[in-house]
Protein backbone atom coordinates (compact mmCIF):
# COMPACT_ATOMS: atom_id res chain seq x y z
CA UNK A 1 74.86 106.37 120.50
CA UNK A 2 78.34 106.70 122.03
CA UNK A 3 79.96 104.99 119.02
CA UNK A 4 78.15 107.36 116.66
CA UNK A 5 79.28 110.38 118.67
CA UNK A 6 82.89 109.13 118.71
CA UNK A 7 82.71 108.65 114.94
CA UNK A 8 81.62 112.27 114.50
CA UNK A 9 84.44 113.71 116.55
CA UNK A 10 87.23 111.38 115.32
CA UNK A 11 88.53 110.80 111.81
CA UNK A 12 89.42 107.13 111.47
CA UNK A 13 92.28 106.36 109.11
CA UNK A 14 93.39 103.37 107.01
CA UNK A 15 97.02 103.24 105.86
CA UNK A 16 98.71 101.11 103.21
CA UNK A 17 102.25 101.40 104.53
CA UNK A 18 104.11 100.37 101.38
CA UNK A 19 107.81 100.07 100.68
CA UNK A 20 107.46 102.35 97.66
CA UNK A 21 104.36 104.44 98.41
CA UNK A 22 102.11 105.13 101.39
CA UNK A 23 98.38 105.64 100.81
CA UNK A 24 95.99 107.04 103.38
CA UNK A 25 92.20 106.59 103.46
CA UNK A 26 90.00 108.69 105.74
CA UNK A 27 86.58 107.38 106.70
CA UNK A 28 83.91 109.29 104.83
CA UNK A 29 86.41 110.97 102.47
CA UNK A 30 88.21 108.18 100.62
CA UNK A 31 91.91 108.28 99.67
CA UNK A 32 93.36 111.62 100.72
CA UNK A 33 97.08 110.93 100.37
CA UNK A 34 99.31 108.92 98.03
CA UNK A 35 102.99 109.76 98.43
CA UNK A 36 106.38 108.01 98.23
CA UNK A 37 107.52 106.26 101.44
CA UNK A 38 110.66 108.39 101.66
CA UNK A 39 112.01 110.62 104.41
CA UNK A 40 114.85 113.14 104.08
CA UNK A 41 116.82 113.39 107.33
CA UNK A 42 119.52 115.80 108.41
CA UNK A 43 122.26 114.41 110.63
CA UNK A 44 122.91 116.65 113.62
CA UNK A 45 125.29 115.37 116.25
CA UNK A 46 124.31 111.79 117.00
CA UNK A 47 120.66 112.12 115.95
CA UNK A 48 118.63 112.44 112.76
CA UNK A 49 115.97 115.07 112.13
CA UNK A 50 113.31 114.58 109.45
CA UNK A 51 113.20 117.65 107.19
CA UNK A 52 110.96 116.35 104.37
CA UNK A 53 108.58 113.44 103.78
CA UNK A 54 106.87 111.97 100.73
CA UNK A 55 107.01 113.77 97.37
CA UNK A 56 109.28 116.51 98.65
CA UNK A 57 111.76 113.93 99.98
CA UNK A 58 111.66 111.91 96.73
CA UNK A 59 112.79 114.97 94.78
CA UNK A 60 115.90 114.97 96.98
CA UNK A 61 116.94 111.38 96.10
CA UNK A 62 120.50 111.49 94.78
CA UNK A 63 120.63 115.28 95.11
CA UNK A 64 121.30 115.90 98.81
CA UNK A 65 124.30 117.57 100.49
CA UNK A 66 126.58 115.47 102.69
CA UNK A 67 124.61 116.06 105.91
CA UNK A 68 121.21 115.19 104.39
CA UNK A 69 120.10 111.70 103.37
CA UNK A 70 116.88 110.70 101.60
CA UNK A 71 116.02 107.20 102.83
CA UNK A 72 113.23 104.63 102.71
CA UNK A 73 112.37 103.59 106.29
CA UNK A 74 110.73 100.40 104.99
CA UNK A 75 112.67 97.68 103.24
CA UNK A 76 111.03 94.62 101.68
CA UNK A 77 107.73 95.46 103.34
CA UNK A 78 108.99 95.85 106.91
CA UNK A 79 110.29 98.71 109.04
CA UNK A 80 114.06 98.99 108.73
CA UNK A 81 114.43 102.27 110.66
CA UNK A 82 111.97 102.55 113.56
CA UNK A 83 112.65 106.22 114.38
CA UNK A 84 112.35 107.47 110.80
CA UNK A 85 109.30 105.27 110.13
CA UNK A 86 107.56 106.79 113.15
CA UNK A 87 108.28 110.29 111.81
CA UNK A 88 106.85 109.28 108.43
CA UNK A 89 103.70 107.70 109.90
CA UNK A 90 103.17 110.77 112.11
CA UNK A 91 103.45 113.02 109.05
CA UNK A 92 100.83 111.06 107.11
CA UNK A 93 98.45 110.83 110.10
CA UNK A 94 98.71 114.56 110.77
CA UNK A 95 98.20 115.35 107.09
CA UNK A 96 95.07 113.20 106.96
CA UNK A 97 93.70 114.11 110.39
CA UNK A 98 94.46 117.79 110.03
CA UNK A 99 93.65 118.34 113.74
CA UNK A 100 89.98 119.02 112.94
CA UNK A 101 88.65 116.09 114.96
CA UNK A 102 88.57 116.23 118.73
CA UNK A 103 89.70 112.64 119.35
CA UNK A 104 92.81 110.89 118.14
CA UNK A 105 91.93 108.59 115.23
CA UNK A 106 91.47 104.84 115.08
CA UNK A 107 94.00 103.49 112.58
CA UNK A 108 94.13 100.31 110.53
CA UNK A 109 97.40 99.49 108.77
CA UNK A 110 98.07 96.98 106.00
CA UNK A 111 101.05 94.72 106.74
CA UNK A 112 102.80 91.94 104.74
CA UNK A 113 101.66 88.41 105.63
CA UNK A 114 105.27 87.33 106.23
CA UNK A 115 106.30 89.77 108.96
CA UNK A 116 107.26 88.57 112.44
CA UNK A 117 105.59 89.39 115.75
CA UNK A 118 108.45 91.78 116.53
CA UNK A 119 107.87 93.61 113.24
CA UNK A 120 104.11 93.75 113.89
CA UNK A 121 104.79 95.30 117.27
CA UNK A 122 107.10 97.88 115.65
CA UNK A 123 104.36 98.92 113.21
CA UNK A 124 101.73 99.12 115.96
CA UNK A 125 103.98 101.09 118.33
CA UNK A 126 104.95 103.52 115.54
CA UNK A 127 101.30 104.25 114.83
CA UNK A 128 100.44 104.62 118.52
CA UNK A 129 103.39 106.96 119.10
CA UNK A 130 102.35 108.94 116.02
CA UNK A 131 98.89 109.62 117.47
CA UNK A 132 96.65 106.60 116.97
CA UNK A 133 93.93 106.00 119.60
CA UNK A 134 93.39 102.36 118.60
CA UNK A 135 95.62 100.58 116.09
CA UNK A 136 94.54 97.53 114.07
CA UNK A 137 96.63 95.54 111.61
CA UNK A 138 95.32 93.78 108.52
CA UNK A 139 97.36 91.49 106.27
CA UNK A 140 97.82 92.96 102.82
CA UNK A 141 96.46 90.02 100.78
CA UNK A 142 93.28 90.08 102.90
CA UNK A 143 92.96 93.85 102.48
CA UNK A 144 93.58 93.46 98.74
CA UNK A 145 90.85 90.81 98.50
CA UNK A 146 88.37 93.06 100.33
CA UNK A 147 89.36 96.01 98.15
CA UNK A 148 88.85 93.91 94.99
CA UNK A 149 85.33 93.06 96.15
CA UNK A 150 85.99 89.34 96.68
CA UNK A 151 83.69 87.37 99.04
CA UNK A 152 86.28 86.91 101.80
CA UNK A 153 83.73 85.99 104.49
CA UNK A 154 82.07 83.26 102.39
CA UNK A 155 83.13 79.58 101.97
CA UNK A 156 84.56 80.28 98.51
CA UNK A 157 88.23 80.18 97.52
CA UNK A 158 89.84 83.33 96.10
CA UNK A 159 93.49 83.55 94.98
CA UNK A 160 95.01 87.01 95.39
CA UNK A 161 98.48 88.04 94.22
CA UNK A 162 99.49 91.43 95.65
CA UNK A 163 102.72 92.66 94.01
CA UNK A 164 104.00 95.62 96.00
CA UNK A 165 107.27 97.51 96.01
CA UNK A 166 109.05 95.29 98.52
CA UNK A 167 107.03 92.06 98.69
CA UNK A 168 104.74 89.83 96.69
CA UNK A 169 101.95 88.23 98.73
CA UNK A 170 100.15 85.20 97.27
CA UNK A 171 97.18 83.95 99.31
CA UNK A 172 94.16 81.69 99.01
CA UNK A 173 91.38 83.22 101.11
CA UNK A 174 88.16 81.62 102.35
CA UNK A 175 85.80 82.21 105.32
CA UNK A 176 87.64 85.29 106.68
CA UNK A 177 91.01 83.56 106.75
CA UNK A 178 94.12 82.80 104.75
CA UNK A 179 94.12 79.08 103.93
CA UNK A 180 97.41 78.90 102.01
CA UNK A 181 99.95 81.65 101.44
CA UNK A 182 103.38 82.36 100.08
CA UNK A 183 105.23 85.61 100.69
CA UNK A 184 108.46 86.55 98.94
CA UNK A 185 110.50 89.69 99.41
CA UNK A 186 110.42 90.40 95.70
CA UNK A 187 108.44 93.16 94.02
CA UNK A 188 108.71 96.40 92.10
CA UNK A 189 111.96 97.43 93.82
CA UNK A 190 113.67 94.19 92.73
CA UNK A 191 112.53 94.87 89.16
CA UNK A 192 114.12 98.32 89.34
CA UNK A 193 117.33 96.84 90.77
CA UNK A 194 117.41 94.26 87.96
CA UNK A 195 117.22 97.04 85.34
CA UNK A 196 120.01 99.01 87.07
CA UNK A 197 122.22 95.88 87.23
CA UNK A 198 121.53 95.00 83.58
CA UNK A 199 122.48 98.45 82.24
CA UNK A 200 125.57 98.49 84.42
CA UNK A 201 126.68 95.01 83.32
CA UNK A 202 125.87 95.23 79.63
CA UNK A 203 126.41 98.92 78.82
CA UNK A 204 128.60 100.25 81.66
CA UNK A 205 125.83 102.75 82.27
CA UNK A 206 124.92 103.73 85.83
CA UNK A 207 121.36 104.95 86.39
CA UNK A 208 119.44 105.69 89.56
CA UNK A 209 116.37 103.96 90.97
CA UNK A 210 114.03 106.70 89.70
CA UNK A 211 115.30 106.25 86.14
CA UNK A 212 115.00 102.47 86.41
CA UNK A 213 111.38 102.85 87.56
CA UNK A 214 110.64 105.11 84.58
CA UNK A 215 112.17 102.53 82.22
CA UNK A 216 110.06 99.75 83.79
CA UNK A 217 106.79 101.60 83.23
CA UNK A 218 107.70 103.00 79.81
CA UNK A 219 109.13 99.90 78.06
CA UNK A 220 109.02 97.09 80.62
CA UNK A 221 107.13 93.92 79.67
CA UNK A 222 106.87 90.39 81.03
CA UNK A 223 106.51 88.62 77.69
CA UNK A 224 106.74 89.46 73.98
CA UNK A 225 103.39 90.64 72.61
CA UNK A 226 103.11 89.42 68.99
CA UNK A 227 100.19 91.79 68.37
CA UNK A 228 102.33 94.85 69.07
CA UNK A 229 103.24 96.56 65.76
CA UNK A 230 106.71 97.61 66.91
CA UNK A 231 108.96 97.62 69.94
CA UNK A 232 108.76 100.45 72.40
CA UNK A 233 112.01 102.32 72.97
CA UNK A 234 113.20 104.88 75.47
CA UNK A 235 116.14 107.26 75.69
CA UNK A 236 118.04 106.78 78.94
CA UNK A 237 120.55 109.12 80.54
CA UNK A 238 123.12 108.09 83.13
CA UNK A 239 126.84 108.06 83.88
CA UNK A 240 129.34 106.12 81.81
CA UNK A 241 131.33 103.95 84.23
CA UNK A 242 134.35 103.86 81.92
CA UNK A 243 134.74 107.60 81.30
CA UNK A 244 132.84 109.00 84.27
CA UNK A 245 130.98 111.33 81.91
CA UNK A 246 127.23 111.68 81.29
CA UNK A 247 125.96 109.29 78.62
CA UNK A 248 122.74 108.83 76.65
CA UNK A 249 121.56 105.61 75.03
CA UNK A 250 118.34 103.96 73.83
CA UNK A 251 116.90 100.79 75.38
CA UNK A 252 114.06 98.70 73.94
CA UNK A 253 111.50 96.39 75.52
CA UNK A 254 113.35 93.19 74.50
CA UNK A 255 116.32 94.25 76.59
CA UNK A 256 114.20 95.28 79.57
CA UNK A 257 112.19 92.04 79.37
CA UNK A 258 115.43 90.04 79.59
CA UNK A 259 116.48 92.10 82.62
CA UNK A 260 113.17 91.46 84.39
CA UNK A 261 112.86 87.76 83.57
CA UNK A 262 114.40 86.34 86.74
CA UNK A 263 112.31 88.56 89.04
CA UNK A 264 109.07 87.86 87.16
CA UNK A 265 109.61 84.10 87.32
CA UNK A 266 110.21 84.29 91.07
CA UNK A 267 106.69 85.71 91.36
CA UNK A 268 105.29 82.98 89.09
CA UNK A 269 107.07 80.30 91.16
CA UNK A 270 105.39 81.66 94.31
CA UNK A 271 101.98 81.44 92.59
CA UNK A 272 102.62 77.85 91.47
CA UNK A 273 103.81 76.83 94.93
CA UNK A 274 100.64 78.25 96.48
CA UNK A 275 98.46 76.42 93.93
CA UNK A 276 100.25 73.13 94.67
CA UNK A 277 99.38 73.47 98.37
CA UNK A 278 95.76 74.52 97.86
CA UNK A 279 93.02 72.04 98.96
CA UNK A 280 91.15 70.47 96.00
CA UNK A 281 87.78 72.11 96.72
CA UNK A 282 89.37 75.54 96.78
CA UNK A 283 91.37 74.71 93.64
CA UNK A 284 88.05 74.13 91.85
CA UNK A 285 86.86 77.58 92.97
CA UNK A 286 90.07 79.18 91.68
CA UNK A 287 89.67 77.45 88.30
CA UNK A 288 86.24 79.07 88.01
CA UNK A 289 87.12 82.49 89.48
CA UNK A 290 90.73 82.93 88.36
CA UNK A 291 93.73 84.70 89.85
CA UNK A 292 93.32 88.32 91.01
CA UNK A 293 96.34 90.61 90.60
CA UNK A 294 96.72 93.74 92.72
CA UNK A 295 99.50 96.17 93.59
CA UNK A 296 101.69 98.35 91.40
CA UNK A 297 103.65 95.36 90.06
CA UNK A 298 100.44 93.96 88.56
CA UNK A 299 100.59 96.80 86.02
CA UNK A 300 103.78 95.49 84.39
CA UNK A 301 102.85 95.11 80.73
CA UNK A 302 101.69 91.57 79.76
CA UNK A 303 102.35 90.09 83.22
CA UNK A 304 98.78 88.76 83.24
CA UNK A 305 99.37 87.04 79.88
CA UNK A 306 102.54 85.33 81.15
CA UNK A 307 100.84 84.11 84.34
CA UNK A 308 98.00 82.70 82.23
CA UNK A 309 100.52 80.89 79.99
CA UNK A 310 102.25 79.39 83.02
CA UNK A 311 99.15 78.38 85.03
CA UNK A 312 96.36 78.06 82.43
CA UNK A 313 94.07 79.91 84.84
CA UNK A 314 92.12 83.11 84.13
CA UNK A 315 93.98 86.20 85.36
CA UNK A 316 92.14 89.37 86.36
CA UNK A 317 93.92 92.65 87.14
CA UNK A 318 92.02 94.53 89.85
CA UNK A 319 90.31 97.68 88.60
CA UNK A 320 92.21 99.90 91.07
CA UNK A 321 95.37 97.81 91.35
CA UNK A 322 97.47 100.57 92.94
CA UNK A 323 94.90 101.40 95.62
CA UNK A 324 93.25 98.02 96.28
CA UNK A 325 94.97 97.41 99.63
CA UNK A 326 94.14 100.79 101.16
CA UNK A 327 90.56 100.63 99.82
CA UNK A 328 90.19 97.19 101.40
CA UNK A 329 91.62 98.41 104.69
CA UNK A 330 89.21 101.35 104.48
CA UNK A 331 86.24 99.01 103.98
CA UNK A 332 87.38 96.97 107.00
CA UNK A 333 87.61 100.20 109.00
CA UNK A 334 84.11 101.25 107.93
CA UNK A 335 82.73 97.84 108.96
CA UNK A 336 85.03 96.95 111.82
CA UNK A 337 82.61 94.48 113.46
CA UNK A 338 81.92 92.62 110.19
CA UNK A 339 85.62 92.27 109.39
CA UNK A 340 87.02 91.92 112.92
CA UNK A 341 87.89 88.26 112.23
CA UNK A 342 90.22 89.24 109.37
CA UNK A 343 92.30 91.64 111.50
CA UNK A 344 95.78 90.47 112.51
CA UNK A 345 96.42 89.85 116.19
């Protein structure tokens, strides 16, 4: 009775605290927030004051005056700036909670498998300082597996590859635990950086991260698709490093594929390494069930085809690849007793 009453007067929240985007799930409502993990801060004296968070802050990237900086408080999946991260988490909690509930919310946060105990404590303390009554952590590959509807509590092996903005998490999951895992600090951001570096090196063209991200989604591909009638092309605008003047050029998918090759094969190497370390019985399960891709990076064109070519295993892209982690964390929050074993200590 008490638990039911608490549930009525408190809005519990699940958060996918991503390097690129933060998603928030509210119990009984679903996903209520999906915004960039960016904070605009104004320097005043020796301290920083957050003046914008999320979409509003992203619009300021590369356009701020000298005393304002738009920054990402998370780098490669972990908190790089504790104070700014706390301000960002508080903003998202307040936006989701909206002060309608009488009690502070219980919060569950998705974290990379690779982070240290110190980094876990930083995440937990940020959420507590931002208004959480109880704070639970769940590893992102486990949350992704739950969100994809995989039988994580059963004695069956499932291989999940969660490609986020800052990290790629590869994990074999069985009986509420991670049996084998590999975590690399490579993801969508590294793909964007590779495109920026390629255009700078080959064409003396400087573009920003936002433009690189647009190129990746518009013409990026992991492997040549022979069934495609013609190459996709995109007009790109940036600054000519030789003249210092604005410059426009056209890039095609062949060029972008070459730029992304090294990053993509780092992800494939992590998958192969995980498969090599997987116990035989679970390997048999994975042969039958395949590899499940989640996260924004899973949407790179033809990435599933390349992974299949390299592993000869079926590859399935999760139906809601961008939201799988937060949906899984939300399911764990809704059934906290059932999934208590999967929560990180």
